[in-house]
N, C-alpha and C. Protein backbone atom coordinates (compact mmCIF):
# COMPACT_ATOMS: atom_id res chain seq x y z
N MET A 1 -40.88 -4.08 21.40
CA MET A 1 -39.69 -3.21 21.57
C MET A 1 -38.46 -3.91 22.65
N ARG A 2 -39.13 -5.15 23.32
CA ARG A 2 -38.11 -5.92 24.11
C ARG A 2 -37.43 -6.63 23.15
N LYS A 3 -37.87 -7.23 22.23
CA LYS A 3 -37.41 -7.92 21.38
C LYS A 3 -36.27 -7.08 20.36
N PHE A 4 -36.50 -5.82 20.28
CA PHE A 4 -35.57 -4.87 19.41
C PHE A 4 -34.49 -4.86 20.39
N LEU A 5 -34.49 -4.65 21.53
CA LEU A 5 -33.53 -4.51 22.55
C LEU A 5 -32.60 -5.81 22.46
N VAL A 6 -33.13 -6.84 22.36
CA VAL A 6 -32.24 -8.28 22.78
C VAL A 6 -31.79 -8.45 21.33
N THR A 7 -32.22 -8.08 20.22
CA THR A 7 -31.51 -7.84 18.90
C THR A 7 -30.53 -7.15 18.95
N ALA A 8 -30.60 -5.84 19.24
CA ALA A 8 -29.50 -4.96 19.09
C ALA A 8 -28.64 -4.95 20.24
N ALA A 9 -28.91 -5.87 21.51
CA ALA A 9 -27.66 -6.35 21.95
C ALA A 9 -26.94 -7.38 21.47
N VAL A 10 -27.36 -8.28 20.69
CA VAL A 10 -26.76 -9.47 20.16
C VAL A 10 -25.85 -8.90 19.03
N LEU A 11 -26.49 -8.21 18.12
CA LEU A 11 -25.63 -7.66 16.71
C LEU A 11 -24.74 -6.38 17.16
N LEU A 12 -24.84 -5.57 18.21
CA LEU A 12 -23.88 -4.67 18.24
C LEU A 12 -22.54 -4.95 18.65
N PRO A 13 -22.20 -5.99 19.26
CA PRO A 13 -21.12 -6.83 19.82
C PRO A 13 -20.21 -7.35 18.47
N LEU A 14 -21.28 -8.13 17.69
CA LEU A 14 -20.83 -8.82 16.59
C LEU A 14 -20.26 -7.69 15.55
N LEU A 15 -20.97 -6.59 15.51
CA LEU A 15 -20.60 -5.66 14.30
C LEU A 15 -19.51 -4.86 14.51
N SER A 16 -19.08 -4.24 15.82
CA SER A 16 -17.96 -3.99 16.45
C SER A 16 -16.60 -4.66 16.02
N THR A 17 -17.11 -5.99 16.55
CA THR A 17 -15.82 -7.11 16.13
C THR A 17 -15.21 -6.94 15.01
N TYR A 18 -16.60 -6.81 13.77
CA TYR A 18 -16.03 -7.11 12.50
C TYR A 18 -15.48 -5.57 12.17
N ALA A 19 -15.80 -4.36 12.77
CA ALA A 19 -15.34 -3.15 12.19
C ALA A 19 -13.62 -2.87 12.99
N PHE A 20 -13.43 -3.64 13.92
CA PHE A 20 -12.16 -3.69 14.77
C PHE A 20 -11.44 -4.92 13.96
N SER A 21 -11.52 -5.69 13.00
CA SER A 21 -11.01 -6.91 12.69
C SER A 21 -10.48 -6.24 11.66
N GLN A 22 -10.73 -5.31 10.77
CA GLN A 22 -10.62 -4.68 9.53
C GLN A 22 -8.79 -4.39 9.62
N SER A 23 -8.17 -4.88 8.42
CA SER A 23 -6.90 -4.17 8.81
C SER A 23 -6.75 -3.02 7.90
N SER A 24 -6.23 -2.06 8.18
CA SER A 24 -5.77 -0.84 7.36
C SER A 24 -4.47 -0.96 6.67
N ASN A 25 -4.69 -0.63 5.31
CA ASN A 25 -3.84 -0.61 4.16
C ASN A 25 -3.08 0.58 4.26
N ALA A 26 -1.93 0.63 3.72
CA ALA A 26 -1.10 1.78 3.46
C ALA A 26 -0.67 2.00 2.19
N SER A 27 -0.37 3.19 1.58
CA SER A 27 0.32 3.21 0.37
C SER A 27 1.73 4.05 0.20
N VAL A 28 2.57 3.72 -0.61
CA VAL A 28 3.89 4.47 -1.02
C VAL A 28 3.44 5.14 -2.18
N SER A 29 3.92 6.26 -2.38
CA SER A 29 4.16 6.97 -3.58
C SER A 29 5.29 8.14 -3.84
N GLY A 30 5.64 8.66 -5.05
CA GLY A 30 6.37 9.81 -4.81
C GLY A 30 6.69 9.89 -6.16
N THR A 31 7.97 10.43 -6.59
CA THR A 31 8.26 10.80 -7.52
C THR A 31 10.33 10.62 -8.12
N VAL A 32 10.16 10.15 -9.26
CA VAL A 32 11.62 9.71 -9.36
C VAL A 32 12.38 10.51 -10.21
N SER A 33 13.51 11.03 -9.83
CA SER A 33 14.37 12.06 -10.21
C SER A 33 15.86 11.65 -9.98
N ASP A 34 16.88 12.02 -11.10
CA ASP A 34 18.07 11.81 -10.98
C ASP A 34 18.87 13.06 -10.10
N ALA A 35 20.03 12.80 -9.97
CA ALA A 35 20.96 13.78 -9.52
C ALA A 35 20.73 15.31 -9.99
N THR A 36 20.30 15.45 -10.91
CA THR A 36 20.18 17.12 -11.67
C THR A 36 18.72 17.40 -11.13
N GLY A 37 17.81 16.67 -10.76
CA GLY A 37 16.40 16.90 -10.70
C GLY A 37 15.46 16.71 -11.53
N ALA A 38 15.98 15.86 -12.87
CA ALA A 38 14.85 15.84 -13.81
C ALA A 38 14.34 14.35 -13.56
N LEU A 39 12.84 14.44 -13.97
CA LEU A 39 12.04 13.56 -13.63
C LEU A 39 12.57 12.30 -14.41
N ILE A 40 12.44 11.41 -14.18
CA ILE A 40 12.19 9.98 -14.81
C ILE A 40 11.29 8.88 -15.22
N PRO A 41 10.88 8.95 -16.13
CA PRO A 41 9.48 8.15 -16.49
C PRO A 41 10.20 6.56 -16.68
N GLY A 42 9.18 5.55 -16.54
CA GLY A 42 9.79 4.38 -17.09
C GLY A 42 10.49 3.45 -16.02
N VAL A 43 10.43 3.84 -14.74
CA VAL A 43 11.61 3.59 -13.79
C VAL A 43 10.53 2.31 -12.94
N MET A 44 11.16 1.09 -12.96
CA MET A 44 10.22 -0.18 -12.45
C MET A 44 10.60 -0.03 -10.72
N VAL A 45 9.41 0.34 -9.83
CA VAL A 45 9.44 0.51 -8.40
C VAL A 45 8.87 -0.74 -7.62
N THR A 46 9.74 -1.84 -6.96
CA THR A 46 9.32 -2.84 -6.58
C THR A 46 9.21 -2.32 -4.94
N ALA A 47 8.16 -3.06 -4.39
CA ALA A 47 8.18 -2.94 -2.85
C ALA A 47 7.92 -4.87 -2.63
N ALA A 48 9.09 -5.04 -1.65
CA ALA A 48 9.01 -6.38 -1.20
C ALA A 48 8.77 -6.48 0.27
N ASN A 49 7.57 -7.04 0.88
CA ASN A 49 7.51 -7.58 2.13
C ASN A 49 8.09 -8.33 2.62
N ASN A 50 9.33 -8.16 3.78
CA ASN A 50 10.11 -8.55 4.15
C ASN A 50 9.78 -10.09 4.91
N ALA A 51 8.37 -9.86 5.67
CA ALA A 51 7.82 -10.76 6.11
C ALA A 51 7.34 -12.10 5.55
N THR A 52 6.26 -11.66 4.34
CA THR A 52 5.66 -12.50 3.79
C THR A 52 6.19 -13.25 2.37
N GLY A 53 7.19 -11.75 1.90
CA GLY A 53 7.87 -12.20 0.56
C GLY A 53 7.06 -11.56 -0.62
N VAL A 54 5.76 -11.09 -0.34
CA VAL A 54 4.47 -10.78 -1.29
C VAL A 54 5.32 -9.57 -1.88
N VAL A 55 5.36 -9.29 -3.45
CA VAL A 55 6.04 -8.33 -4.19
C VAL A 55 4.99 -7.48 -5.19
N THR A 56 5.15 -6.12 -4.70
CA THR A 56 4.14 -5.23 -5.62
C THR A 56 5.23 -4.16 -6.40
N THR A 57 4.49 -3.97 -7.45
CA THR A 57 5.51 -3.21 -8.41
C THR A 57 4.65 -2.27 -9.20
N ALA A 58 5.12 -1.07 -9.61
CA ALA A 58 4.54 0.12 -10.55
C ALA A 58 5.78 0.56 -11.08
N LEU A 59 5.29 1.28 -12.44
CA LEU A 59 6.23 2.08 -13.08
C LEU A 59 5.77 3.23 -13.06
N SER A 60 7.11 4.35 -13.10
CA SER A 60 6.65 5.68 -13.05
C SER A 60 6.12 6.33 -14.28
N ASN A 61 5.63 6.98 -14.18
CA ASN A 61 4.76 7.65 -15.39
C ASN A 61 5.65 8.57 -15.88
N GLU A 62 4.74 9.52 -16.75
CA GLU A 62 5.70 10.47 -17.80
C GLU A 62 6.39 11.45 -16.95
N ALA A 63 5.48 11.79 -15.86
CA ALA A 63 6.16 12.91 -14.95
C ALA A 63 6.80 12.63 -13.62
N GLY A 64 7.29 10.87 -13.87
CA GLY A 64 8.17 10.19 -12.74
C GLY A 64 7.60 10.09 -11.73
N VAL A 65 6.03 9.92 -11.87
CA VAL A 65 5.07 9.72 -10.41
C VAL A 65 4.86 8.12 -10.61
N TYR A 66 4.91 7.47 -9.07
CA TYR A 66 4.36 6.50 -8.88
C TYR A 66 3.88 6.01 -7.87
N SER A 67 2.86 4.95 -7.63
CA SER A 67 1.93 4.73 -6.59
C SER A 67 2.05 3.39 -6.53
N LEU A 68 2.27 3.01 -5.35
CA LEU A 68 1.83 1.37 -4.89
C LEU A 68 0.71 1.45 -3.72
N PRO A 69 -0.23 1.34 -4.28
CA PRO A 69 -1.49 1.36 -3.42
C PRO A 69 -1.89 -0.23 -2.49
N SER A 70 -2.43 0.13 -1.43
CA SER A 70 -3.17 -1.22 -1.01
C SER A 70 -1.71 -2.10 -0.46
N LEU A 71 -0.76 -1.43 0.38
CA LEU A 71 0.18 -2.36 1.01
C LEU A 71 -0.35 -3.02 2.31
N LEU A 72 -0.01 -4.40 2.42
CA LEU A 72 -0.43 -4.61 3.79
C LEU A 72 0.50 -3.99 5.03
N PRO A 73 0.13 -3.77 6.11
CA PRO A 73 1.30 -3.13 7.14
C PRO A 73 2.41 -4.37 6.78
N GLY A 74 3.40 -3.60 7.41
CA GLY A 74 4.75 -4.54 7.71
C GLY A 74 6.29 -3.92 7.20
N VAL A 75 7.17 -4.36 7.20
CA VAL A 75 8.51 -3.74 6.76
C VAL A 75 8.66 -4.40 5.38
N TYR A 76 9.08 -3.17 4.53
CA TYR A 76 9.30 -3.38 2.85
C TYR A 76 10.64 -3.09 2.68
N THR A 77 11.27 -3.50 2.04
CA THR A 77 12.34 -3.32 1.00
C THR A 77 12.06 -2.90 -0.53
N VAL A 78 12.16 -1.31 -0.63
CA VAL A 78 11.88 -0.78 -2.07
C VAL A 78 12.89 -0.54 -2.95
N THR A 79 12.83 -0.89 -4.09
CA THR A 79 14.10 -0.75 -5.28
C THR A 79 13.60 -0.03 -6.40
N PHE A 80 14.28 0.59 -6.94
CA PHE A 80 14.11 1.56 -8.18
C PHE A 80 15.17 0.91 -9.08
N THR A 81 14.66 0.49 -10.43
CA THR A 81 15.59 -0.12 -11.41
C THR A 81 15.25 0.54 -12.74
N MET A 82 15.95 0.81 -13.36
CA MET A 82 15.93 1.25 -14.78
C MET A 82 17.22 0.88 -15.51
N THR A 83 17.10 0.62 -16.78
CA THR A 83 18.38 0.28 -17.61
C THR A 83 19.26 1.48 -17.77
N GLY A 84 20.58 1.39 -17.52
CA GLY A 84 21.38 2.67 -17.65
C GLY A 84 21.36 3.36 -16.30
N PHE A 85 21.19 3.08 -15.01
CA PHE A 85 20.84 3.39 -13.96
C PHE A 85 21.29 2.68 -12.90
N SER A 86 21.99 3.15 -12.07
CA SER A 86 22.21 2.01 -10.60
C SER A 86 20.96 1.76 -10.37
N THR A 87 20.72 0.62 -9.36
CA THR A 87 19.60 0.29 -8.67
C THR A 87 19.44 1.12 -7.22
């Protein structure tokens, strides 16, 4: 029993440190539409992390929906581009 308590006393702080050191990620998602409300497929959505320069991209699907999962915490510049439309 004493060996179990000593082992638990050593492992619990290590496990809690590991659990708190994990960073949580975020995601951005939405729909792309024009001024009339029509949904637009095929729009390139780009999220650039301002601090690291890491760029993540996605295309909107046939329903105009896009998703940028697993973004690291930070400040991003998000742009939407498609031929024939202003950025």
